[in-house]
Amino acid sequence: MLVELTKFKVKNGQSKRVDEWLQFLNDHMEDVLLTLEDEKMYVESIFRELQHGDEFLYWYSIQGQGGQDVLDSDHWIDKKHLEYWNECIDLTFKPVDLSTEVVMIPKKIRNNME
């Protein structure tokens, strides 16, 4: 099981597009959840932060081993998600992976994730 929290920078001037992106994901949650199964993604959450005039998105996820990479997906929702990604995420900023120190998942839930 892989537990991650990664920070990505939003391109300057793309806040409104990020608003649309996040609303798109919320509006199509049923389709989003279907793609998570192929990725063996048990939990995925996106957080947003404005810090000193810069905007960041944080991805928190809990994923099983051997899942499909979103880049390899044929799902329409993933293709649209990646379009937003390419428009909004600043690839000149090196993503920051925060260190996982403690994972607290009750055994009965963890057993269903493996």
PDB file of N, CA and C in Angstrom:
ATOM      1  N   MET A   1       0.849  -1.178   0.000  1.00  0.00           N
ATOM      2  CA  MET A   1       0.000   0.000   0.000  1.00  0.00           C
ATOM      3  C   MET A   1       0.892   1.237   0.000  1.00  0.00           C
ATOM      4  N   LEU A   2       0.551   2.191  -0.834  1.00  0.00           N
ATOM      5  CA  LEU A   2       1.313   3.421  -0.972  1.00  0.00           C
ATOM      6  C   LEU A   2       0.458   4.591  -0.492  1.00  0.00           C
ATOM      7  N   VAL A   3       0.965   5.326   0.502  1.00  0.00           N
ATOM      8  CA  VAL A   3       0.276   6.500   1.025  1.00  0.00           C
ATOM      9  C   VAL A   3       1.130   7.710   0.674  1.00  0.00           C
ATOM     10  N   GLU A   4       0.545   8.670  -0.063  1.00  0.00           N
ATOM     11  CA  GLU A   4       1.313   9.818  -0.541  1.00  0.00           C
ATOM     12  C   GLU A   4       0.577  11.129  -0.331  1.00  0.00           C
ATOM     13  N   LEU A   5       1.370  12.182  -0.155  1.00  0.00           N
ATOM     14  CA  LEU A   5       0.885  13.556  -0.186  1.00  0.00           C
ATOM     15  C   LEU A   5       1.909  14.349  -0.988  1.00  0.00           C
ATOM     16  N   THR A   6       1.475  14.892  -2.123  1.00  0.00           N
ATOM     17  CA  THR A   6       2.382  15.592  -3.020  1.00  0.00           C
ATOM     18  C   THR A   6       1.834  16.982  -3.330  1.00  0.00           C
ATOM     19  N   LYS A   7       2.751  17.953  -3.338  1.00  0.00           N
ATOM     20  CA  LYS A   7       2.414  19.358  -3.587  1.00  0.00           C
ATOM     21  C   LYS A   7       2.815  19.730  -5.018  1.00  0.00           C
ATOM     22  N   PHE A   8       1.857  20.333  -5.767  1.00  0.00           N
ATOM     23  CA  PHE A   8       2.091  20.796  -7.122  1.00  0.00           C
ATOM     24  C   PHE A   8       1.741  22.275  -7.211  1.00  0.00           C
ATOM     25  N   LYS A   9       2.495  23.020  -7.993  1.00  0.00           N
ATOM     26  CA  LYS A   9       2.237  24.452  -8.178  1.00  0.00           C
ATOM     27  C   LYS A   9       1.311  24.660  -9.368  1.00  0.00           C
ATOM     28  N   VAL A  10       0.371  25.560  -9.191  1.00  0.00           N
ATOM     29  CA  VAL A  10      -0.535  25.958 -10.261  1.00  0.00           C
ATOM     30  C   VAL A  10       0.136  27.067 -11.071  1.00  0.00           C
ATOM     31  N   LYS A  11      -0.003  26.993 -12.397  1.00  0.00           N
ATOM     32  CA  LYS A  11       0.527  28.046 -13.259  1.00  0.00           C
ATOM     33  C   LYS A  11      -0.140  29.373 -12.913  1.00  0.00           C
ATOM     34  N   ASN A  12       0.628  30.447 -12.990  1.00  0.00           N
ATOM     35  CA  ASN A  12       0.074  31.778 -12.745  1.00  0.00           C
ATOM     36  C   ASN A  12      -1.071  32.051 -13.704  1.00  0.00           C
ATOM     37  N   GLY A  13      -2.132  32.633 -13.182  1.00  0.00           N
ATOM     38  CA  GLY A  13      -3.284  32.999 -13.995  1.00  0.00           C
ATOM     39  C   GLY A  13      -4.251  31.861 -14.290  1.00  0.00           C
ATOM     40  N   GLN A  14      -4.068  30.714 -13.676  1.00  0.00           N
ATOM     41  CA  GLN A  14      -4.922  29.559 -13.979  1.00  0.00           C
ATOM     42  C   GLN A  14      -5.925  29.221 -12.860  1.00  0.00           C
ATOM     43  N   SER A  15      -6.105  30.106 -11.903  1.00  0.00           N
ATOM     44  CA  SER A  15      -7.017  29.831 -10.782  1.00  0.00           C
ATOM     45  C   SER A  15      -8.438  29.534 -11.233  1.00  0.00           C
ATOM     46  N   LYS A  16      -8.953  30.312 -12.165  1.00  0.00           N
ATOM     47  CA  LYS A  16     -10.324  30.077 -12.633  1.00  0.00           C
ATOM     48  C   LYS A  16     -10.415  28.736 -13.354  1.00  0.00           C
ATOM     49  N   ARG A  17      -9.379  28.367 -14.074  1.00  0.00           N
ATOM     50  CA  ARG A  17      -9.368  27.071 -14.766  1.00  0.00           C
ATOM     51  C   ARG A  17      -9.310  25.944 -13.739  1.00  0.00           C
ATOM     52  N   VAL A  18      -8.562  26.148 -12.645  1.00  0.00           N
ATOM     53  CA  VAL A  18      -8.537  25.159 -11.566  1.00  0.00           C
ATOM     54  C   VAL A  18      -9.924  25.039 -10.940  1.00  0.00           C
ATOM     55  N   ASP A  19     -10.620  26.162 -10.758  1.00  0.00           N
ATOM     56  CA  ASP A  19     -12.005  26.122 -10.263  1.00  0.00           C
ATOM     57  C   ASP A  19     -12.849  25.199 -11.142  1.00  0.00           C
ATOM     58  N   GLU A  20     -12.733  25.382 -12.465  1.00  0.00           N
ATOM     59  CA  GLU A  20     -13.493  24.554 -13.414  1.00  0.00           C
ATOM     60  C   GLU A  20     -13.100  23.085 -13.295  1.00  0.00           C
ATOM     61  N   TRP A  21     -11.799  22.822 -13.183  1.00  0.00           N
ATOM     62  CA  TRP A  21     -11.272  21.464 -13.093  1.00  0.00           C
ATOM     63  C   TRP A  21     -11.839  20.728 -11.880  1.00  0.00           C
ATOM     64  N   LEU A  22     -11.745  21.379 -10.730  1.00  0.00           N
ATOM     65  CA  LEU A  22     -12.209  20.744  -9.502  1.00  0.00           C
ATOM     66  C   LEU A  22     -13.726  20.555  -9.520  1.00  0.00           C
ATOM     67  N   GLN A  23     -14.428  21.528 -10.098  1.00  0.00           N
ATOM     68  CA  GLN A  23     -15.884  21.391 -10.234  1.00  0.00           C
ATOM     69  C   GLN A  23     -16.217  20.250 -11.191  1.00  0.00           C
ATOM     70  N   PHE A  24     -15.451  20.127 -12.266  1.00  0.00           N
ATOM     71  CA  PHE A  24     -15.628  19.036 -13.220  1.00  0.00           C
ATOM     72  C   PHE A  24     -15.503  17.683 -12.513  1.00  0.00           C
ATOM     73  N   LEU A  25     -14.466  17.522 -11.699  1.00  0.00           N
ATOM     74  CA  LEU A  25     -14.284  16.267 -10.973  1.00  0.00           C
ATOM     75  C   LEU A  25     -15.449  16.001 -10.028  1.00  0.00           C
ATOM     76  N   ASN A  26     -15.876  17.021  -9.308  1.00  0.00           N
ATOM     77  CA  ASN A  26     -17.018  16.863  -8.398  1.00  0.00           C
ATOM     78  C   ASN A  26     -18.305  16.544  -9.153  1.00  0.00           C
ATOM     79  N   ASP A  27     -18.499  17.185 -10.302  1.00  0.00           N
ATOM     80  CA  ASP A  27     -19.716  16.975 -11.085  1.00  0.00           C
ATOM     81  C   ASP A  27     -19.770  15.593 -11.732  1.00  0.00           C
ATOM     82  N   HIS A  28     -18.623  14.968 -11.934  1.00  0.00           N
ATOM     83  CA  HIS A  28     -18.550  13.662 -12.607  1.00  0.00           C
ATOM     84  C   HIS A  28     -17.988  12.584 -11.675  1.00  0.00           C
ATOM     85  N   MET A  29     -18.321  12.701 -10.408  1.00  0.00           N
ATOM     86  CA  MET A  29     -17.735  11.820  -9.398  1.00  0.00           C
ATOM     87  C   MET A  29     -18.012  10.341  -9.675  1.00  0.00           C
ATOM     88  N   GLU A  30     -19.166  10.013 -10.189  1.00  0.00           N
ATOM     89  CA  GLU A  30     -19.475   8.604 -10.468  1.00  0.00           C
ATOM     90  C   GLU A  30     -18.459   8.020 -11.458  1.00  0.00           C
ATOM     91  N   ASP A  31     -18.142   8.765 -12.510  1.00  0.00           N
ATOM     92  CA  ASP A  31     -17.153   8.317 -13.492  1.00  0.00           C
ATOM     93  C   ASP A  31     -15.740   8.338 -12.911  1.00  0.00           C
ATOM     94  N   VAL A  32     -15.445   9.339 -12.111  1.00  0.00           N
ATOM     95  CA  VAL A  32     -14.131   9.417 -11.456  1.00  0.00           C
ATOM     96  C   VAL A  32     -13.903   8.170 -10.607  1.00  0.00           C
ATOM     97  N   LEU A  33     -14.892   7.796  -9.822  1.00  0.00           N
ATOM     98  CA  LEU A  33     -14.738   6.644  -8.932  1.00  0.00           C
ATOM     99  C   LEU A  33     -14.536   5.347  -9.705  1.00  0.00           C
ATOM    100  N   LEU A  34     -15.131   5.235 -10.889  1.00  0.00           N
ATOM    101  CA  LEU A  34     -14.918   4.046 -11.723  1.00  0.00           C
ATOM    102  C   LEU A  34     -13.454   3.915 -12.138  1.00  0.00           C
ATOM    103  N   THR A  35     -12.820   5.029 -12.472  1.00  0.00           N
ATOM    104  CA  THR A  35     -11.417   4.971 -12.912  1.00  0.00           C
ATOM    105  C   THR A  35     -10.482   4.644 -11.752  1.00  0.00           C
ATOM    106  N   LEU A  36     -10.870   5.016 -10.554  1.00  0.00           N
ATOM    107  CA  LEU A  36     -10.023   4.735  -9.392  1.00  0.00           C
ATOM    108  C   LEU A  36      -9.860   3.240  -9.173  1.00  0.00           C
ATOM    109  N   GLU A  37     -10.867   2.475  -9.531  1.00  0.00           N
ATOM    110  CA  GLU A  37     -10.775   1.022  -9.373  1.00  0.00           C
ATOM    111  C   GLU A  37      -9.627   0.455 -10.197  1.00  0.00           C
ATOM    112  N   ASP A  38      -9.488   0.895 -11.450  1.00  0.00           N
ATOM    113  CA  ASP A  38      -8.404   0.411 -12.309  1.00  0.00           C
ATOM    114  C   ASP A  38      -7.030   0.796 -11.755  1.00  0.00           C
ATOM    115  N   GLU A  39      -6.975   1.933 -11.078  1.00  0.00           N
ATOM    116  CA  GLU A  39      -5.716   2.423 -10.515  1.00  0.00           C
ATOM    117  C   GLU A  39      -5.412   1.798  -9.147  1.00  0.00           C
ATOM    118  N   LYS A  40      -6.357   0.996  -8.642  1.00  0.00           N
ATOM    119  CA  LYS A  40      -6.270   0.471  -7.278  1.00  0.00           C
ATOM    120  C   LYS A  40      -6.079   1.620  -6.276  1.00  0.00           C
ATOM    121  N   MET A  41      -6.776   2.704  -6.567  1.00  0.00           N
ATOM    122  CA  MET A  41      -6.722   3.901  -5.734  1.00  0.00           C
ATOM    123  C   MET A  41      -7.868   3.819  -4.731  1.00  0.00           C
ATOM    124  N   TYR A  42      -7.523   3.679  -3.461  1.00  0.00           N
ATOM    125  CA  TYR A  42      -8.532   3.531  -2.417  1.00  0.00           C
ATOM    126  C   TYR A  42      -9.054   4.869  -1.936  1.00  0.00           C
ATOM    127  N   VAL A  43      -8.160   5.852  -1.863  1.00  0.00           N
ATOM    128  CA  VAL A  43      -8.518   7.201  -1.432  1.00  0.00           C
ATOM    129  C   VAL A  43      -7.709   8.184  -2.265  1.00  0.00           C
ATOM    130  N   GLU A  44      -8.372   9.191  -2.783  1.00  0.00           N
ATOM    131  CA  GLU A  44      -7.659  10.273  -3.463  1.00  0.00           C
ATOM    132  C   GLU A  44      -8.393  11.562  -3.146  1.00  0.00           C
ATOM    133  N   SER A  45      -7.667  12.518  -2.613  1.00  0.00           N
ATOM    134  CA  SER A  45      -8.236  13.815  -2.261  1.00  0.00           C
ATOM    135  C   SER A  45      -7.313  14.906  -2.774  1.00  0.00           C
ATOM    136  N   ILE A  46      -7.920  16.025  -3.184  1.00  0.00           N
ATOM    137  CA  ILE A  46      -7.151  17.168  -3.664  1.00  0.00           C
ATOM    138  C   ILE A  46      -7.411  18.329  -2.715  1.00  0.00           C
ATOM    139  N   PHE A  47      -6.327  18.932  -2.245  1.00  0.00           N
ATOM    140  CA  PHE A  47      -6.398  20.099  -1.376  1.00  0.00           C
ATOM    141  C   PHE A  47      -5.819  21.292  -2.128  1.00  0.00           C
ATOM    142  N   ARG A  48      -6.251  22.467  -1.751  1.00  0.00           N
ATOM    143  CA  ARG A  48      -5.831  23.698  -2.435  1.00  0.00           C
ATOM    144  C   ARG A  48      -5.285  24.674  -1.409  1.00  0.00           C
ATOM    145  N   GLU A  49      -4.214  25.388  -1.799  1.00  0.00           N
ATOM    146  CA  GLU A  49      -3.598  26.355  -0.883  1.00  0.00           C
ATOM    147  C   GLU A  49      -3.132  27.569  -1.671  1.00  0.00           C
ATOM    148  N   LEU A  50      -3.337  28.738  -1.107  1.00  0.00           N
ATOM    149  CA  LEU A  50      -2.779  29.981  -1.624  1.00  0.00           C
ATOM    150  C   LEU A  50      -1.721  30.426  -0.626  1.00  0.00           C
ATOM    151  N   GLN A  51      -0.487  30.588  -1.101  1.00  0.00           N
ATOM    152  CA  GLN A  51       0.626  30.897  -0.206  1.00  0.00           C
ATOM    153  C   GLN A  51       1.491  31.987  -0.847  1.00  0.00           C
ATOM    154  N   HIS A  52       1.496  33.173  -0.255  1.00  0.00           N
ATOM    155  CA  HIS A  52       2.316  34.287  -0.734  1.00  0.00           C
ATOM    156  C   HIS A  52       2.059  34.585  -2.218  1.00  0.00           C
ATOM    157  N   GLY A  53       0.795  34.531  -2.617  1.00  0.00           N
ATOM    158  CA  GLY A  53       0.420  34.839  -3.989  1.00  0.00           C
ATOM    159  C   GLY A  53       0.543  33.677  -4.959  1.00  0.00           C
ATOM    160  N   ASP A  54       1.095  32.558  -4.531  1.00  0.00           N
ATOM    161  CA  ASP A  54       1.194  31.365  -5.374  1.00  0.00           C
ATOM    162  C   ASP A  54       0.125  30.364  -4.942  1.00  0.00           C
ATOM    163  N   GLU A  55      -0.366  29.633  -5.921  1.00  0.00           N
ATOM    164  CA  GLU A  55      -1.408  28.646  -5.642  1.00  0.00           C
ATOM    165  C   GLU A  55      -0.832  27.241  -5.813  1.00  0.00           C
ATOM    166  N   PHE A  56      -1.234  26.347  -4.910  1.00  0.00           N
ATOM    167  CA  PHE A  56      -0.752  24.976  -4.923  1.00  0.00           C
ATOM    168  C   PHE A  56      -1.921  24.015  -4.774  1.00  0.00           C
ATOM    169  N   LEU A  57      -1.773  22.862  -5.399  1.00  0.00           N
ATOM    170  CA  LEU A  57      -2.697  21.753  -5.191  1.00  0.00           C
ATOM    171  C   LEU A  57      -1.908  20.624  -4.561  1.00  0.00           C
ATOM    172  N   TYR A  58      -2.534  19.973  -3.594  1.00  0.00           N
ATOM    173  CA  TYR A  58      -1.928  18.831  -2.915  1.00  0.00           C
ATOM    174  C   TYR A  58      -2.769  17.599  -3.227  1.00  0.00           C
ATOM    175  N   TRP A  59      -2.119  16.525  -3.619  1.00  0.00           N
ATOM    176  CA  TRP A  59      -2.798  15.256  -3.845  1.00  0.00           C
ATOM    177  C   TRP A  59      -2.465  14.318  -2.696  1.00  0.00           C
ATOM    178  N   TYR A  60      -3.497  13.851  -2.009  1.00  0.00           N
ATOM    179  CA  TYR A  60      -3.352  12.846  -0.957  1.00  0.00           C
ATOM    180  C   TYR A  60      -3.958  11.565  -1.492  1.00  0.00           C
ATOM    181  N   SER A  61      -3.217  10.467  -1.397  1.00  0.00           N
ATOM    182  CA  SER A  61      -3.753   9.219  -1.923  1.00  0.00           C
ATOM    183  C   SER A  61      -3.288   8.015  -1.125  1.00  0.00           C
ATOM    184  N   ILE A  62      -4.140   7.012  -1.162  1.00  0.00           N
ATOM    185  CA  ILE A  62      -3.815   5.683  -0.647  1.00  0.00           C
ATOM    186  C   ILE A  62      -4.101   4.728  -1.800  1.00  0.00           C
ATOM    187  N   GLN A  63      -3.051   4.030  -2.231  1.00  0.00           N
ATOM    188  CA  GLN A  63      -3.158   3.212  -3.434  1.00  0.00           C
ATOM    189  C   GLN A  63      -2.568   1.831  -3.193  1.00  0.00           C
ATOM    190  N   GLY A  64      -3.215   0.829  -3.755  1.00  0.00           N
ATOM    191  CA  GLY A  64      -2.709  -0.534  -3.708  1.00  0.00           C
ATOM    192  C   GLY A  64      -1.625  -0.743  -4.752  1.00  0.00           C
ATOM    193  N   GLN A  65      -0.980  -1.877  -4.693  1.00  0.00           N
ATOM    194  CA  GLN A  65       0.092  -2.215  -5.621  1.00  0.00           C
ATOM    195  C   GLN A  65      -0.473  -2.675  -6.966  1.00  0.00           C
ATOM    196  N   GLY A  66       0.223  -2.318  -8.041  1.00  0.00           N
ATOM    197  CA  GLY A  66      -0.103  -2.839  -9.361  1.00  0.00           C
ATOM    198  C   GLY A  66      -1.258  -2.169 -10.070  1.00  0.00           C
ATOM    199  N   GLY A  67      -1.644  -0.997  -9.639  1.00  0.00           N
ATOM    200  CA  GLY A  67      -2.735  -0.294 -10.309  1.00  0.00           C
ATOM    201  C   GLY A  67      -2.288   0.343 -11.607  1.00  0.00           C
ATOM    202  N   GLN A  68      -3.264   0.626 -12.460  1.00  0.00           N
ATOM    203  CA  GLN A  68      -2.993   1.271 -13.734  1.00  0.00           C
ATOM    204  C   GLN A  68      -2.597   2.728 -13.519  1.00  0.00           C
ATOM    205  N   ASP A  69      -1.611   3.204 -14.252  1.00  0.00           N
ATOM    206  CA  ASP A  69      -1.220   4.613 -14.213  1.00  0.00           C
ATOM    207  C   ASP A  69      -2.280   5.425 -14.961  1.00  0.00           C
ATOM    208  N   VAL A  70      -2.628   6.574 -14.441  1.00  0.00           N
ATOM    209  CA  VAL A  70      -3.643   7.414 -15.076  1.00  0.00           C
ATOM    210  C   VAL A  70      -3.239   7.759 -16.512  1.00  0.00           C
ATOM    211  N   LEU A  71      -1.938   7.834 -16.788  1.00  0.00           N
ATOM    212  CA  LEU A  71      -1.468   8.140 -18.140  1.00  0.00           C
ATOM    213  C   LEU A  71      -1.793   7.032 -19.133  1.00  0.00           C
ATOM    214  N   ASP A  72      -2.020   5.831 -18.630  1.00  0.00           N
ATOM    215  CA  ASP A  72      -2.337   4.689 -19.488  1.00  0.00           C
ATOM    216  C   ASP A  72      -3.834   4.444 -19.620  1.00  0.00           C
ATOM    217  N   SER A  73      -4.622   5.264 -19.004  1.00  0.00           N
ATOM    218  CA  SER A  73      -6.072   5.070 -18.989  1.00  0.00           C
ATOM    219  C   SER A  73      -6.718   5.472 -20.318  1.00  0.00           C
ATOM    220  N   ASP A  74      -7.736   4.718 -20.706  1.00  0.00           N
ATOM    221  CA  ASP A  74      -8.537   5.050 -21.885  1.00  0.00           C
ATOM    222  C   ASP A  74      -9.857   5.708 -21.494  1.00  0.00           C
ATOM    223  N   HIS A  75     -10.113   5.880 -20.197  1.00  0.00           N
ATOM    224  CA  HIS A  75     -11.363   6.483 -19.738  1.00  0.00           C
ATOM    225  C   HIS A  75     -11.422   7.953 -20.162  1.00  0.00           C
ATOM    226  N   TRP A  76     -12.582   8.365 -20.643  1.00  0.00           N
ATOM    227  CA  TRP A  76     -12.748   9.752 -21.077  1.00  0.00           C
ATOM    228  C   TRP A  76     -12.500  10.731 -19.933  1.00  0.00           C
ATOM    229  N   ILE A  77     -12.895  10.338 -18.735  1.00  0.00           N
ATOM    230  CA  ILE A  77     -12.752  11.248 -17.590  1.00  0.00           C
ATOM    231  C   ILE A  77     -11.279  11.496 -17.283  1.00  0.00           C
ATOM    232  N   ASP A  78     -10.453  10.457 -17.421  1.00  0.00           N
ATOM    233  CA  ASP A  78      -9.015  10.619 -17.187  1.00  0.00           C
ATOM    234  C   ASP A  78      -8.372  11.471 -18.266  1.00  0.00           C
ATOM    235  N   LYS A  79      -8.815  11.326 -19.492  1.00  0.00           N
ATOM    236  CA  LYS A  79      -8.274  12.140 -20.583  1.00  0.00           C
ATOM    237  C   LYS A  79      -8.575  13.623 -20.337  1.00  0.00           C
ATOM    238  N   LYS A  80      -9.800  13.913 -19.904  1.00  0.00           N
ATOM    239  CA  LYS A  80     -10.178  15.301 -19.601  1.00  0.00           C
ATOM    240  C   LYS A  80      -9.400  15.807 -18.386  1.00  0.00           C
ATOM    241  N   HIS A  81      -9.257  14.961 -17.381  1.00  0.00           N
ATOM    242  CA  HIS A  81      -8.490  15.302 -16.181  1.00  0.00           C
ATOM    243  C   HIS A  81      -7.056  15.683 -16.560  1.00  0.00           C
ATOM    244  N   LEU A  82      -6.445  14.915 -17.444  1.00  0.00           N
ATOM    245  CA  LEU A  82      -5.073  15.199 -17.870  1.00  0.00           C
ATOM    246  C   LEU A  82      -4.979  16.469 -18.713  1.00  0.00           C
ATOM    247  N   GLU A  83      -6.035  16.781 -19.455  1.00  0.00           N
ATOM    248  CA  GLU A  83      -6.069  18.065 -20.185  1.00  0.00           C
ATOM    249  C   GLU A  83      -6.000  19.225 -19.197  1.00  0.00           C
ATOM    250  N   TYR A  84      -6.828  19.158 -18.149  1.00  0.00           N
ATOM    251  CA  TYR A  84      -6.792  20.187 -17.119  1.00  0.00           C
ATOM    252  C   TYR A  84      -5.408  20.238 -16.469  1.00  0.00           C
ATOM    253  N   TRP A  85      -4.874  19.069 -16.156  1.00  0.00           N
ATOM    254  CA  TRP A  85      -3.547  18.983 -15.539  1.00  0.00           C
ATOM    255  C   TRP A  85      -2.524  19.748 -16.371  1.00  0.00           C
ATOM    256  N   ASN A  86      -2.485  19.460 -17.659  1.00  0.00           N
ATOM    257  CA  ASN A  86      -1.502  20.091 -18.544  1.00  0.00           C
ATOM    258  C   ASN A  86      -1.701  21.593 -18.654  1.00  0.00           C
ATOM    259  N   GLU A  87      -2.940  22.051 -18.568  1.00  0.00           N
ATOM    260  CA  GLU A  87      -3.233  23.482 -18.619  1.00  0.00           C
ATOM    261  C   GLU A  87      -2.881  24.193 -17.315  1.00  0.00           C
ATOM    262  N   CYS A  88      -3.029  23.497 -16.188  1.00  0.00           N
ATOM    263  CA  CYS A  88      -3.002  24.174 -14.888  1.00  0.00           C
ATOM    264  C   CYS A  88      -1.751  23.947 -14.049  1.00  0.00           C
ATOM    265  N   ILE A  89      -1.083  22.813 -14.194  1.00  0.00           N
ATOM    266  CA  ILE A  89       0.044  22.494 -13.316  1.00  0.00           C
ATOM    267  C   ILE A  89       1.348  23.021 -13.912  1.00  0.00           C
ATOM    268  N   ASP A  90       2.104  23.739 -13.099  1.00  0.00           N
ATOM    269  CA  ASP A  90       3.380  24.321 -13.502  1.00  0.00           C
ATOM    270  C   ASP A  90       4.461  23.248 -13.428  1.00  0.00           C
ATOM    271  N   LEU A  91       4.860  22.745 -14.588  1.00  0.00           N
ATOM    272  CA  LEU A  91       5.845  21.664 -14.631  1.00  0.00           C
ATOM    273  C   LEU A  91       7.274  22.148 -14.383  1.00  0.00           C
ATOM    274  N   THR A  92       7.473  23.481 -14.297  1.00  0.00           N
ATOM    275  CA  THR A  92       8.808  23.993 -13.965  1.00  0.00           C
ATOM    276  C   THR A  92       9.063  23.922 -12.450  1.00  0.00           C
ATOM    277  N   PHE A  93       7.996  23.727 -11.674  1.00  0.00           N
ATOM    278  CA  PHE A  93       8.097  23.567 -10.223  1.00  0.00           C
ATOM    279  C   PHE A  93       8.222  22.082  -9.910  1.00  0.00           C
ATOM    280  N   LYS A  94       9.287  21.712  -9.215  1.00  0.00           N
ATOM    281  CA  LYS A  94       9.473  20.307  -8.853  1.00  0.00           C
ATOM    282  C   LYS A  94       8.455  19.924  -7.790  1.00  0.00           C
ATOM    283  N   PRO A  95       7.598  18.918  -8.051  1.00  0.00           N
ATOM    284  CA  PRO A  95       6.616  18.503  -7.048  1.00  0.00           C
ATOM    285  C   PRO A  95       7.313  18.128  -5.738  1.00  0.00           C
ATOM    286  N   VAL A  96       6.634  18.405  -4.651  1.00  0.00           N
ATOM    287  CA  VAL A  96       7.177  18.115  -3.326  1.00  0.00           C
ATOM    288  C   VAL A  96       6.411  16.942  -2.739  1.00  0.00           C
ATOM    289  N   ASP A  97       7.108  15.830  -2.510  1.00  0.00           N
ATOM    290  CA  ASP A  97       6.519  14.673  -1.839  1.00  0.00           C
ATOM    291  C   ASP A  97       6.784  14.800  -0.348  1.00  0.00           C
ATOM    292  N   LEU A  98       5.724  14.910   0.432  1.00  0.00           N
ATOM    293  CA  LEU A  98       5.885  14.973   1.877  1.00  0.00           C
ATOM    294  C   LEU A  98       6.134  13.569   2.404  1.00  0.00           C
ATOM    295  N   SER A  99       6.859  13.472   3.491  1.00  0.00           N
ATOM    296  CA  SER A  99       7.209  12.169   4.060  1.00  0.00           C
ATOM    297  C   SER A  99       6.041  11.585   4.842  1.00  0.00           C
ATOM    298  N   THR A 100       5.743  10.328   4.566  1.00  0.00           N
ATOM    299  CA  THR A 100       4.717   9.612   5.324  1.00  0.00           C
ATOM    300  C   THR A 100       5.383   9.082   6.592  1.00  0.00           C
ATOM    301  N   GLU A 101       4.908   9.498   7.726  1.00  0.00           N
ATOM    302  CA  GLU A 101       5.498   9.113   9.004  1.00  0.00           C
ATOM    303  C   GLU A 101       4.626   8.126   9.775  1.00  0.00           C
ATOM    304  N   VAL A 102       3.332   8.307   9.728  1.00  0.00           N
ATOM    305  CA  VAL A 102       2.402   7.441  10.455  1.00  0.00           C
ATOM    306  C   VAL A 102       1.167   7.239   9.579  1.00  0.00           C
ATOM    307  N   VAL A 103       0.744   6.002   9.436  1.00  0.00           N
ATOM    308  CA  VAL A 103      -0.477   5.684   8.704  1.00  0.00           C
ATOM    309  C   VAL A 103      -1.430   5.014   9.688  1.00  0.00           C
ATOM    310  N   MET A 104      -2.560   5.651   9.921  1.00  0.00           N
ATOM    311  CA  MET A 104      -3.534   5.141  10.882  1.00  0.00           C
ATOM    312  C   MET A 104      -4.785   4.697  10.148  1.00  0.00           C
ATOM    313  N   ILE A 105      -4.857   3.426   9.848  1.00  0.00           N
ATOM    314  CA  ILE A 105      -6.013   2.836   9.187  1.00  0.00           C
ATOM    315  C   ILE A 105      -6.391   1.597   9.993  1.00  0.00           C
ATOM    316  N   PRO A 106      -7.598   1.558  10.522  1.00  0.00           N
ATOM    317  CA  PRO A 106      -8.001   0.384  11.291  1.00  0.00           C
ATOM    318  C   PRO A 106      -7.839  -0.895  10.470  1.00  0.00           C
ATOM    319  N   LYS A 107      -7.500  -1.963  11.162  1.00  0.00           N
ATOM    320  CA  LYS A 107      -7.211  -3.251  10.522  1.00  0.00           C
ATOM    321  C   LYS A 107      -8.357  -3.724   9.628  1.00  0.00           C
ATOM    322  N   LYS A 108      -9.606  -3.578  10.090  1.00  0.00           N
ATOM    323  CA  LYS A 108     -10.742  -4.055   9.298  1.00  0.00           C
ATOM    324  C   LYS A 108     -10.868  -3.296   7.984  1.00  0.00           C
ATOM    325  N   ILE A 109     -10.457  -2.029   7.945  1.00  0.00           N
ATOM    326  CA  ILE A 109     -10.478  -1.258   6.701  1.00  0.00           C
ATOM    327  C   ILE A 109      -9.251  -1.604   5.868  1.00  0.00           C
ATOM    328  N   ARG A 110      -8.089  -1.672   6.495  1.00  0.00           N
ATOM    329  CA  ARG A 110      -6.842  -2.007   5.793  1.00  0.00           C
ATOM    330  C   ARG A 110      -6.970  -3.361   5.088  1.00  0.00           C
ATOM    331  N   ASN A 111      -7.616  -4.338   5.727  1.00  0.00           N
ATOM    332  CA  ASN A 111      -7.784  -5.668   5.132  1.00  0.00           C
ATOM    333  C   ASN A 111      -8.576  -5.600   3.822  1.00  0.00           C
ATOM    334  N   ASN A 112      -9.480  -4.653   3.709  1.00  0.00           N
ATOM    335  CA  ASN A 112     -10.259  -4.489   2.485  1.00  0.00           C
ATOM    336  C   ASN A 112      -9.492  -3.728   1.402  1.00  0.00           C
ATOM    337  N   MET A 113      -8.353  -3.162   1.765  1.00  0.00           N
ATOM    338  CA  MET A 113      -7.556  -2.381   0.820  1.00  0.00           C
ATOM    339  C   MET A 113      -6.451  -3.213   0.180  1.00  0.00           C
ATOM    340  N   GLU A 114      -6.255  -4.415   0.612  1.00  0.00           N
ATOM    341  CA  GLU A 114      -5.137  -5.197   0.111  1.00  0.00           C
ATOM    342  C   GLU A 114      -5.576  -6.220  -0.914  1.00  0.00           C
TER     343      GLU A 114
END
